[in-house]
Protein backbone atom coordinates (compact mmCIF):
# COMPACT_ATOMS: atom_id res chain seq x y z
CA MET A 1 -127.53 25.42 -122.38
CA LYS A 2 -129.25 28.74 -122.96
CA PHE A 3 -133.02 28.58 -123.30
CA GLU A 4 -133.09 30.43 -126.64
CA LEU A 5 -130.59 28.06 -128.26
CA LEU A 6 -132.28 24.98 -126.78
CA SER A 7 -135.67 26.23 -127.98
CA HIS A 8 -134.39 26.69 -131.54
CA VAL A 9 -132.81 23.22 -131.57
CA VAL A 10 -135.97 21.54 -130.25
CA ASP A 11 -138.16 23.42 -132.73
CA GLU A 12 -135.90 22.29 -135.57
CA LEU A 13 -135.99 18.65 -134.40
CA ALA A 14 -139.76 18.74 -133.96
CA ALA A 15 -140.14 19.81 -137.59
CA PHE A 16 -138.69 16.64 -139.16
CA LEU A 17 -137.65 13.98 -136.62
CA PRO A 18 -141.04 12.64 -135.38
CA GLY A 19 -141.85 9.36 -137.09
CA GLY A 20 -138.20 8.41 -137.11
CA ARG A 21 -137.18 4.95 -135.90
CA LEU A 22 -134.67 4.68 -133.05
CA GLU A 23 -132.03 2.29 -134.39
CA ARG A 24 -129.51 2.32 -131.56
CA VAL A 25 -128.44 4.06 -128.36
CA TYR A 26 -124.71 4.75 -127.95
CA GLN A 27 -122.76 5.78 -124.90
CA GLY A 28 -120.01 8.29 -125.66
CA ALA A 29 -116.59 8.48 -124.04
CA GLU A 30 -117.55 11.75 -122.36
CA GLY A 31 -120.66 10.19 -120.80
CA GLY A 32 -123.23 11.58 -123.22
CA LEU A 33 -125.92 9.45 -124.85
CA TYR A 34 -126.26 9.29 -128.63
CA PHE A 35 -129.53 8.27 -130.28
CA SER A 36 -129.39 7.00 -133.87
CA PHE A 37 -132.63 7.74 -135.74
CA HIS A 38 -133.60 6.62 -139.24
CA ARG A 39 -136.07 8.86 -141.06
CA ASP A 40 -136.82 9.21 -144.77
CA ARG A 41 -133.78 7.14 -145.78
CA LYS A 42 -131.48 9.28 -143.72
CA ASN A 43 -129.68 8.66 -140.44
CA TYR A 44 -129.57 11.27 -137.70
CA PHE A 45 -127.45 11.18 -134.57
CA LEU A 46 -128.82 13.06 -131.58
CA LEU A 47 -126.69 13.87 -128.55
CA LEU A 48 -128.14 14.19 -125.04
CA SER A 49 -125.24 15.11 -122.75
CA PRO A 50 -125.98 15.43 -119.00
CA ASP A 51 -122.48 16.81 -118.38
CA ARG A 52 -122.91 18.83 -115.19
CA LEU A 53 -120.61 21.57 -116.45
CA LEU A 54 -121.87 21.64 -120.02
CA PRO A 55 -125.29 19.99 -120.57
CA ARG A 56 -126.36 20.11 -124.21
CA LEU A 57 -128.81 18.74 -126.77
CA HIS A 58 -128.23 18.80 -130.53
CA LEU A 59 -127.62 16.68 -133.60
CA VAL A 60 -124.05 15.68 -134.48
CA THR A 61 -122.76 15.46 -138.02
CA ALA A 62 -120.49 12.44 -137.63
CA LYS A 63 -121.42 8.97 -136.46
CA PRO A 64 -120.38 8.77 -132.79
CA VAL A 65 -117.78 6.36 -131.51
CA SER A 66 -119.34 4.18 -128.86
CA VAL A 67 -117.58 2.89 -125.77
CA PRO A 68 -118.36 -0.22 -123.70
CA VAL A 69 -121.62 0.47 -121.92
CA THR A 70 -121.39 0.78 -118.16
CA HIS A 71 -124.40 2.92 -117.36
CA SER A 72 -127.65 1.21 -116.41
CA LEU A 73 -129.77 3.83 -118.19
CA THR A 74 -128.02 3.15 -121.51
CA LEU A 75 -128.61 -0.58 -121.12
CA TYR A 76 -132.27 -0.01 -120.25
CA LEU A 77 -132.81 2.30 -123.23
CA ARG A 78 -131.21 -0.21 -125.58
CA SER A 79 -133.42 -2.96 -124.22
CA HIS A 80 -136.72 -1.09 -124.26
CA LEU A 81 -136.47 1.69 -126.88
CA THR A 82 -134.52 0.14 -129.75
CA GLY A 83 -136.94 -0.03 -132.69
CA ALA A 84 -139.34 2.51 -131.14
CA ARG A 85 -140.82 5.37 -133.14
CA LEU A 86 -140.46 8.97 -132.02
CA ALA A 87 -144.03 10.25 -131.67
CA GLY A 88 -143.17 13.82 -130.75
CA LEU A 89 -140.94 16.17 -128.79
CA GLY A 90 -141.01 19.58 -127.21
CA LEU A 91 -140.16 21.65 -124.15
CA LEU A 92 -142.01 21.24 -120.84
CA ASN A 93 -143.38 24.42 -119.27
CA ARG A 94 -141.35 26.53 -121.69
CA ASP A 95 -138.30 25.68 -119.60
CA ARG A 96 -135.00 23.91 -120.24
CA VAL A 97 -136.66 20.50 -120.03
CA ALA A 98 -136.87 18.54 -123.29
CA GLU A 99 -139.48 15.77 -123.63
CA PHE A 100 -139.33 12.93 -126.18
CA LEU A 101 -142.37 10.67 -126.68
CA PHE A 102 -141.75 7.15 -128.00
CA GLU A 103 -144.09 4.35 -129.03
CA LYS A 104 -143.14 0.68 -129.36
CA ALA A 105 -145.52 -2.23 -129.85
CA GLY A 106 -148.43 -0.24 -128.44
CA THR A 107 -146.49 0.89 -125.36
CA GLY A 108 -145.71 4.54 -124.72
CA TYR A 109 -142.51 5.88 -123.19
CA ARG A 110 -141.40 9.35 -122.27
CA LEU A 111 -137.75 10.41 -122.16
CA VAL A 112 -137.17 13.63 -120.23
CA PHE A 113 -133.91 15.57 -120.43
CA GLU A 114 -133.58 18.23 -117.75
CA LEU A 115 -130.88 20.80 -118.57
CA ILE A 116 -131.52 22.87 -115.45
CA GLY A 117 -129.01 24.36 -113.04
CA THR A 118 -126.01 22.28 -111.98
CA PHE A 119 -127.95 19.00 -111.91
CA PRO A 120 -128.95 17.99 -115.45
CA ASN A 121 -130.57 14.58 -115.67
CA ILE A 122 -132.11 12.09 -118.11
CA ILE A 123 -135.21 10.20 -116.97
CA LEU A 124 -137.21 7.49 -118.74
CA THR A 125 -140.83 7.01 -117.66
CA ASP A 126 -143.81 5.00 -118.84
CA SER A 127 -147.02 6.60 -120.10
CA SER A 128 -148.23 7.12 -116.53
CA ALA A 129 -145.05 9.04 -115.56
CA THR A 130 -143.63 6.25 -113.40
CA ILE A 131 -139.84 6.37 -113.53
CA LEU A 132 -138.29 3.33 -115.21
CA ALA A 133 -134.64 4.39 -115.30
CA VAL A 134 -132.62 7.51 -114.51
CA TYR A 135 -129.11 8.75 -115.33
CA TYR A 136 -128.42 10.40 -111.95
CA PRO A 137 -130.55 8.71 -109.26
CA ARG A 138 -131.51 10.96 -106.36
CA PRO A 139 -132.67 9.13 -103.19
CA PHE A 140 -135.19 10.41 -100.67
CA SER A 141 -133.71 12.83 -98.15
CA SER A 142 -134.51 16.05 -96.37
CA ASP A 143 -132.28 17.90 -98.85
CA THR A 144 -133.93 16.44 -101.97
CA ALA A 145 -137.07 18.21 -103.13
CA ARG A 146 -137.53 15.95 -106.17
CA PRO A 147 -136.29 12.37 -105.63
CA MET A 148 -135.41 10.44 -108.80
CA LEU A 149 -135.61 6.68 -108.40
CA PRO A 150 -137.14 3.87 -110.49
CA GLY A 151 -140.67 3.04 -109.37
CA ILE A 152 -141.68 6.47 -108.13
CA GLN A 153 -143.73 9.10 -109.92
CA TYR A 154 -141.80 11.60 -112.02
CA VAL A 155 -142.47 15.18 -110.90
CA PRO A 156 -141.39 17.80 -113.42
CA PRO A 157 -139.68 21.00 -112.24
CA SER A 158 -142.04 23.69 -111.01
CA LYS A 159 -143.53 25.73 -113.79
CA LYS A 160 -141.75 29.01 -114.40
CA ALA A 161 -142.91 32.11 -116.13
CA PRO A 162 -141.75 32.20 -119.74
CA PRO A 163 -138.40 33.99 -119.90
CA SER A 164 -138.58 37.51 -121.21
CA VAL A 165 -137.27 37.58 -124.74
CA ASP A 166 -136.43 40.49 -126.94
CA HIS A 167 -138.50 39.30 -129.91
CA ALA A 168 -136.77 41.59 -132.37
CA ALA A 169 -133.40 40.24 -131.27
CA GLN A 170 -134.78 36.68 -131.32
CA ASP A 171 -136.09 37.11 -134.88
CA ALA A 172 -132.69 38.49 -135.91
CA THR A 173 -130.97 35.53 -134.30
CA ILE A 174 -133.26 33.07 -136.08
CA ARG A 175 -132.68 34.81 -139.41
CA GLN A 176 -128.92 34.70 -138.82
CA GLU A 177 -129.05 31.00 -137.91
CA GLU A 178 -131.12 30.27 -141.00
CA SER A 179 -128.55 32.05 -143.14
CA VAL A 180 -125.51 30.18 -141.80
CA GLY A 181 -126.98 26.78 -140.93
CA SER A 182 -129.35 24.91 -138.67
CA PRO A 183 -129.58 25.60 -134.92
CA SER A 184 -128.27 22.08 -134.25
CA LYS A 185 -125.24 22.73 -136.44
CA GLU A 186 -124.61 26.05 -134.71
CA ALA A 187 -124.93 24.37 -131.31
CA GLU A 188 -122.56 21.57 -132.33
CA LEU A 189 -119.91 24.01 -133.56
CA TYR A 190 -120.28 26.21 -130.49
CA TYR A 191 -119.92 23.34 -128.02
CA GLN A 192 -117.02 21.85 -129.96
CA GLN A 193 -115.16 25.11 -129.45
CA VAL A 194 -116.14 25.29 -125.78
CA ILE A 195 -115.06 21.68 -125.14
CA GLU A 196 -111.79 22.14 -127.03
CA GLN A 197 -111.02 25.24 -124.99
CA ARG A 198 -111.94 23.46 -121.76
CA GLU A 199 -109.73 20.48 -122.65
CA PHE A 200 -106.93 22.84 -123.72
CA THR A 201 -107.09 24.72 -120.43
CA SER A 202 -107.29 21.53 -118.37
CA LEU A 203 -104.40 19.86 -120.22
CA ARG A 204 -102.28 23.01 -120.07
CA THR A 205 -102.86 23.35 -116.32
CA MET A 206 -101.89 19.71 -115.78
CA LEU A 207 -98.72 20.01 -117.88
CA VAL A 208 -97.59 23.28 -116.30
CA SER A 209 -98.14 21.84 -112.82
CA LEU A 210 -96.17 18.69 -113.72
CA ILE A 211 -93.29 20.65 -115.25
CA ARG A 212 -93.08 23.01 -112.27
CA ARG A 213 -93.09 20.17 -109.74
CA THR A 214 -90.48 18.23 -111.69
CA LEU A 215 -88.33 21.32 -112.19
CA LEU A 216 -88.42 22.00 -108.46
CA LYS A 217 -87.20 18.47 -107.74
CA THR A 218 -84.54 18.69 -110.43
CA GLU A 219 -83.27 22.05 -109.17
CA ARG A 220 -83.08 20.66 -105.64
CA ARG A 221 -81.10 17.73 -107.00
CA LEU A 222 -78.82 20.15 -108.82
CA ALA A 223 -78.17 22.06 -105.59
CA ALA A 224 -77.43 18.84 -103.69
CA LEU A 225 -75.11 17.59 -106.42
CA SER A 226 -73.33 20.93 -106.53
CA ASN A 227 -72.69 20.61 -102.79
CA ASP A 228 -71.48 17.04 -103.31
CA LEU A 229 -69.20 18.23 -106.08
CA THR A 230 -67.77 20.91 -103.83
CA SER A 231 -67.16 18.25 -101.21
CA ALA A 232 -65.63 15.90 -103.79
CA ASP A 233 -63.30 18.63 -105.02
CA ARG A 234 -61.84 18.76 -101.48
CA ALA A 235 -60.53 15.19 -101.71
CA GLU A 236 -56.87 16.22 -101.52
CA GLU A 237 -57.67 18.55 -98.65
CA TYR A 238 -59.19 15.65 -96.69
CA LYS A 239 -56.15 13.46 -97.42
CA LYS A 240 -53.74 16.14 -96.27
CA ALA A 241 -55.73 16.73 -93.06
CA GLY A 242 -55.57 13.02 -92.20
CA MET A 243 -51.81 12.91 -92.81
CA VAL A 244 -51.17 16.05 -90.73
CA ILE A 245 -53.19 14.56 -87.83
CA LEU A 246 -51.12 11.36 -87.95
CA ALA A 247 -47.88 13.38 -88.10
CA ASN A 248 -48.92 15.34 -84.98
CA ILE A 249 -50.88 12.64 -83.17
CA ASP A 250 -48.77 12.97 -80.01
CA ARG A 251 -49.83 16.60 -79.63
CA LEU A 252 -53.57 15.83 -79.81
CA LYS A 253 -55.91 14.91 -77.01
CA PRO A 254 -59.46 13.50 -77.01
CA GLY A 255 -62.20 16.16 -76.81
CA MET A 256 -60.44 18.74 -79.03
CA GLU A 257 -62.62 20.54 -81.60
CA LEU A 258 -59.85 22.40 -83.45
CA ALA A 259 -56.11 21.88 -83.71
CA GLN A 260 -53.40 24.19 -85.03
CA LEU A 261 -50.91 21.74 -86.57
CA SER A 262 -47.82 21.98 -88.77
CA ASP A 263 -47.85 20.28 -92.15
CA TYR A 264 -44.78 18.76 -93.86
CA GLU A 265 -43.72 22.17 -95.17
CA GLY A 266 -43.94 23.77 -91.75
CA LYS A 267 -47.14 25.68 -92.47
CA ILE A 268 -49.71 25.89 -89.70
CA GLU A 269 -53.02 24.26 -90.56
CA ALA A 270 -56.28 24.77 -88.61
CA ILE A 271 -57.93 21.35 -88.71
CA PRO A 272 -61.46 20.78 -87.30
CA LEU A 273 -61.80 17.66 -85.15
CA ASP A 274 -64.72 15.65 -83.85
CA PRO A 275 -64.39 15.91 -80.02
CA ARG A 276 -66.18 12.57 -79.63
CA LEU A 277 -63.40 10.71 -81.46
CA SER A 278 -59.82 9.88 -80.58
CA PRO A 279 -56.99 11.51 -82.63
CA SER A 280 -56.44 8.34 -84.67
CA ARG A 281 -60.20 8.00 -85.32
CA ASN A 282 -60.25 11.62 -86.52
CA ALA A 283 -57.47 10.79 -88.97
CA ASP A 284 -59.44 7.76 -90.17
CA ARG A 285 -62.50 9.97 -90.64
CA TYR A 286 -60.60 12.30 -92.97
CA PHE A 287 -59.13 9.38 -94.96
CA LYS A 288 -62.64 7.92 -95.42
CA LYS A 289 -63.93 11.29 -96.62
CA TYR A 290 -60.97 11.41 -99.03
CA LYS A 291 -61.73 7.97 -100.48
CA LYS A 292 -65.43 8.72 -100.79
CA ALA A 293 -64.80 12.06 -102.46
CA LYS A 294 -62.23 10.59 -104.83
CA ALA A 295 -64.44 7.67 -105.86
CA GLY A 296 -67.59 9.75 -106.17
CA LEU A 297 -66.20 12.67 -108.18
CA ALA A 298 -66.76 11.11 -111.62
CA ILE A 299 -70.20 9.85 -110.65
CA ILE A 300 -71.22 13.21 -109.24
CA GLN A 301 -70.01 15.02 -112.36
CA GLN A 302 -72.01 12.67 -114.58
CA ARG A 303 -75.13 13.06 -112.43
CA LEU A 304 -74.68 16.81 -112.41
CA ARG A 305 -74.52 16.90 -116.22
CA SER A 306 -77.64 14.73 -116.39
CA ALA A 307 -79.50 17.02 -113.97
CA GLU A 308 -78.43 20.09 -115.95
CA GLU A 309 -79.65 18.50 -119.19
CA GLU A 310 -82.95 17.55 -117.58
CA THR A 311 -83.41 21.08 -116.27
CA ALA A 312 -82.75 22.52 -119.73
CA PHE A 313 -85.18 20.01 -121.28
CA LEU A 314 -87.95 20.83 -118.81
CA LYS A 315 -87.47 24.58 -119.26
CA THR A 316 -87.72 24.11 -123.01
CA LEU A 317 -90.99 22.19 -122.58
CA HIS A 318 -92.30 24.91 -120.26
CA ARG A 319 -91.60 27.43 -123.00
CA ASP A 320 -93.28 25.17 -125.57
CA ILE A 321 -96.39 25.02 -123.36
CA ASP A 322 -96.48 28.82 -123.14
CA LYS A 323 -96.36 29.00 -126.94
CA ALA A 324 -98.97 26.27 -127.57
CA HIS A 325 -102.21 27.42 -129.20
CA THR A 326 -104.12 24.17 -129.70
CA ARG A 327 -104.88 21.03 -127.73
CA SER A 328 -102.95 19.11 -130.37
CA ASP A 329 -99.80 21.12 -129.52
CA LEU A 330 -100.23 20.27 -125.84
CA ALA A 331 -101.06 16.63 -126.55
CA SER A 332 -97.79 16.30 -128.49
CA ILE A 333 -95.89 17.69 -125.48
CA ARG A 334 -97.74 15.31 -123.19
CA SER A 335 -96.88 12.37 -125.44
CA MET A 336 -93.23 13.36 -125.19
CA LEU A 337 -93.47 13.41 -121.39
CA VAL A 338 -95.04 9.95 -121.53
CA ALA A 339 -92.20 8.73 -123.78
CA GLU A 340 -89.61 10.16 -121.37
CA GLY A 341 -91.26 8.52 -118.36
CA TYR A 342 -92.55 11.66 -116.63
CA ILE A 343 -96.17 10.57 -117.08
CA LYS A 344 -97.43 7.03 -116.61
CA GLU A 345 -100.04 6.30 -119.24
CA ASN A 346 -103.40 4.91 -118.22
CA ASN A 347 -106.71 4.31 -119.90
CA LYS A 348 -108.34 7.40 -118.48
CA GLU A 349 -105.70 9.67 -119.95
CA LYS A 350 -105.28 7.97 -123.32
CA LYS A 351 -107.71 10.38 -124.96
CA TYR A 352 -104.94 12.99 -124.76
CA SER A 353 -102.30 10.80 -126.39
CA GLU A 354 -101.25 11.79 -129.88
CA PRO A 355 -98.36 10.73 -132.10
CA LEU A 356 -95.07 12.53 -131.61
CA THR A 357 -95.13 14.84 -134.62
CA PRO A 358 -91.98 16.88 -135.18
CA GLY A 359 -92.88 20.47 -136.08
CA PHE A 360 -90.80 23.16 -137.70
CA ARG A 361 -91.26 26.37 -139.68
CA THR A 362 -89.65 27.02 -143.04
CA PHE A 363 -88.58 30.45 -144.33
CA THR A 364 -86.95 31.48 -147.59
CA PHE A 365 -84.50 34.38 -147.56
CA HIS A 366 -82.56 35.45 -150.64
CA GLY A 367 -83.13 31.97 -152.06
CA TRP A 368 -81.84 30.15 -148.94
CA GLU A 369 -84.10 27.78 -147.01
CA ILE A 370 -84.13 28.35 -143.25
CA CYS A 371 -85.77 25.80 -140.94
CA VAL A 372 -86.83 26.74 -137.39
CA GLY A 373 -87.76 24.04 -134.88
CA LYS A 374 -91.08 24.14 -133.04
CA GLY A 375 -90.62 22.71 -129.57
CA ALA A 376 -88.16 20.16 -128.27
CA LEU A 377 -89.30 17.49 -130.71
CA GLY A 378 -89.03 19.81 -133.71
CA ASN A 379 -85.58 20.92 -132.58
CA ASP A 380 -84.51 17.31 -132.28
CA TYR A 381 -85.85 16.49 -135.72
CA ILE A 382 -84.18 19.26 -137.72
CA THR A 383 -80.87 18.76 -135.89
CA THR A 384 -80.62 14.97 -135.99
CA LYS A 385 -82.70 14.06 -139.08
CA LEU A 386 -82.95 17.06 -141.38
CA ALA A 387 -79.45 18.54 -141.04
CA HIS A 388 -76.55 17.67 -143.32
CA ALA A 389 -72.89 18.20 -142.51
CA ASP A 390 -72.47 21.54 -144.34
CA ASP A 391 -75.75 23.11 -143.20
CA LEU A 392 -75.46 26.05 -140.81
CA TRP A 393 -76.86 25.39 -137.32
CA LEU A 394 -77.82 28.22 -134.89
CA HIS A 395 -79.27 28.59 -131.39
CA ALA A 396 -79.68 31.47 -128.92
CA GLU A 397 -76.95 31.16 -126.28
CA GLY A 398 -77.74 30.37 -122.65
CA MET A 399 -81.53 30.20 -122.95
CA PRO A 400 -84.31 27.92 -124.24
CA GLY A 401 -85.08 28.44 -127.90
CA SER A 402 -85.53 26.96 -131.34
CA HIS A 403 -82.80 25.18 -133.27
CA VAL A 404 -82.34 26.94 -136.61
CA LEU A 405 -80.89 25.37 -139.75
CA VAL A 406 -79.77 27.06 -142.96
CA LYS A 407 -79.88 24.40 -145.67
CA ASN A 408 -76.71 24.32 -147.78
CA PRO A 409 -77.01 21.42 -150.27
CA ASN A 410 -74.22 22.73 -152.54
CA ASN A 411 -71.72 23.42 -149.75
CA ALA A 412 -71.60 27.07 -150.81
CA GLU A 413 -70.34 30.05 -148.85
CA ILE A 414 -73.31 31.30 -146.84
CA PRO A 415 -73.71 35.09 -147.28
CA VAL A 416 -73.39 37.29 -144.21
CA GLU A 417 -76.91 38.65 -144.63
CA VAL A 418 -78.30 35.09 -144.56
CA LEU A 419 -76.32 34.34 -141.39
CA VAL A 420 -77.68 37.50 -139.75
CA LYS A 421 -81.26 36.68 -140.79
CA ALA A 422 -81.01 33.10 -139.47
CA ALA A 423 -79.49 34.37 -136.22
CA ALA A 424 -82.30 36.94 -135.88
CA LEU A 425 -84.84 34.12 -136.26
CA ALA A 426 -83.02 32.05 -133.62
CA ALA A 427 -83.17 35.06 -131.29
CA TYR A 428 -86.85 35.72 -132.05
CA TYR A 429 -87.87 32.11 -131.41
CA SER A 430 -86.13 32.01 -128.04
CA LYS A 431 -86.74 33.21 -124.52
CA GLY A 432 -84.83 36.39 -125.47
CA LYS A 433 -87.50 37.38 -128.00
CA LEU A 434 -88.18 40.72 -126.27
CA ALA A 435 -84.52 41.60 -125.64
CA GLY A 436 -82.78 44.33 -127.57
CA LYS A 437 -79.90 42.09 -128.63
CA VAL A 438 -79.31 38.35 -128.23
CA SER A 439 -76.11 36.35 -128.53
CA VAL A 440 -76.58 33.48 -130.99
CA ALA A 441 -74.18 30.55 -131.38
CA TYR A 442 -73.63 29.15 -134.86
CA THR A 443 -71.59 26.34 -136.40
CA ARG A 444 -71.66 23.77 -139.18
CA ALA A 445 -74.13 20.96 -138.49
CA ARG A 446 -71.25 18.44 -138.56
CA PHE A 447 -70.06 19.90 -135.26
CA VAL A 448 -73.44 19.43 -133.52
CA LYS A 449 -73.94 16.17 -131.67
CA LYS A 450 -76.73 14.74 -129.58
CA PRO A 451 -75.22 12.73 -126.70
CA LYS A 452 -76.39 9.15 -126.39
CA GLY A 453 -79.47 8.98 -124.20
CA ALA A 454 -79.93 12.78 -124.15
CA LYS A 455 -83.46 14.13 -124.08
CA PRO A 456 -85.04 15.66 -127.23
CA GLY A 457 -83.47 18.96 -128.26
CA LEU A 458 -80.31 18.63 -126.15
CA VAL A 459 -77.01 18.78 -128.06
CA THR A 460 -73.31 19.53 -127.61
CA LEU A 461 -71.11 21.66 -129.92
CA ARG A 462 -67.51 20.83 -130.80
CA GLU A 463 -66.95 24.20 -132.45
CA ARG A 464 -68.90 27.41 -132.31
CA LYS A 465 -68.89 31.12 -133.04
CA SER A 466 -71.21 33.82 -131.76
CA ILE A 467 -73.02 36.78 -133.23
CA MET A 468 -75.11 39.52 -131.55
CA VAL A 469 -78.37 40.23 -133.35
CA LYS A 470 -81.73 41.88 -132.84
CA PRO A 471 -84.62 39.35 -132.66
CA GLU A 472 -86.64 39.38 -135.87
CA SER A 473 -89.55 37.27 -137.10
CA GLY A 474 -89.84 35.79 -140.56
C-alpha cells in the first residue's frame, strides 16, 4: 500500500474513530482481519489485510462475512480486545506501520500493522511492547533481523527518513479525494478493482491451462481412434488374407515374412506374414484381426463422434474464455466445466462457483427479433429452450461460434435482408469474425436437434442451406 494513500486513510480514521468500542473481530475468507467498531451510534468495519501480495488498511462499506476462525491471532484478539476502546492511532516513524492503541479495564494494548515490503504482519503487544500474539511468527535465526514471537520485545522497523512528497501534488490529491469521497472509500474501490483483476487473471489462466491440457488429450484420442477406424475398415481385407493363406497353405513355410499368393479370382496378393508363426497360425491371426475389427467398428465410430463433439465443445469454451471480460463470465464457464466433470469441486475453489446463467444478446432488425447466444450455455439455451419450430436458426459453418435465432412467432416468410443480417451476426460472433466472407448454415429450428447426452451447444441438423456473408456486428 502506497505511503501517501495509507497516510490519508490513517489521518481520516484518527479524526473520528478514537473512542469507538471494538465490538467484534472477524476473520475474512481471504485471510484479512475485520474489526467492528461502534462509535456515535454508528458501526464501522475496518479491514487489516496482511496479504503478502496486496497488504491494505481501510474501512469497508458492507458488513464482512466471517469464516470459521482458524488463526490464533484472531482468537487472541477476540478474547482480549472485544469490548476495548480505541484510544488512538497513527503511523510509526512516518512509515508504512500503523499503530492502534486500545484500553480495556485499565489495561493497555497496542496493535501494530506493518505494511512493509513483502512481509506484512500484524502484532499485538502489551503496554510495555512485549509481543502477545502475531499473525506471521518469525523465529530466531541468522537470517531474521527482527524475530516475531510471543514473549519477546517488539522492535519496530528502523526509522526511515520521511519520504519526499510533492506537496502541491499531495494537496491536489487530497482535494480530489475530498471531492469524490473519503480516502478509505477510494482505497476500498481501488483494491476491489485490483483484487477482481487479480482473480480474473488467475481464473482465466487456470481455465485456459485446463482447456489446453484436455484438448491435447482429446486430440490424441481422436488420432488414436482414427487409426483404429482405419484398421476396422480393413476387416474384409483381413478376412480375405486369412482365406488366401489357408487356400495356399501348402506353398508356405515357417519363417516367411511376405508371400505372393493367388486369391480365388487368380489375382496375386502380397500378404505380410509373421515369421515367428506357422502358416496356419498366420491365418488365425488375420481371422482374429477380422473379428476384432468387425466387432469394434460400431464402437469406434461412436467413440470417434463423442471425441469430435468433445473437441468442438472445448474449442467453443476456449473461445468463450478469450471473449470473457469479467470474473463472472469466467466463473460461469468454470461452473459448466464442474457440471461436465472436468473440474472436481472442493471447498477451496467454491468461491469461484456461480450459477449457470445462460447469456444471449438480442437485436431488432426491421421489426424482427434476433437472438445471439453468448458462450456454450447461451447457445444451448436459445436453441433448446427459446427456439420454436418455425424460428430461423443459423451458425457459422465449420468453426466455433454463436447460435443465432430469428424469432418468427407468426410463421411468416422471413425477408431476405433479415436472413442476411442474421447470417452476418452469426459470422461476426464466430471464430471467422475477421474473415472477408464466412459460410453460414441456416435452417428452421424444427430441424435442429441436440443429441441425448451431448455437451452444451452441440447440435445436429437434419436439413440445412448455406449463405456467404460478410461478418457484421449489431
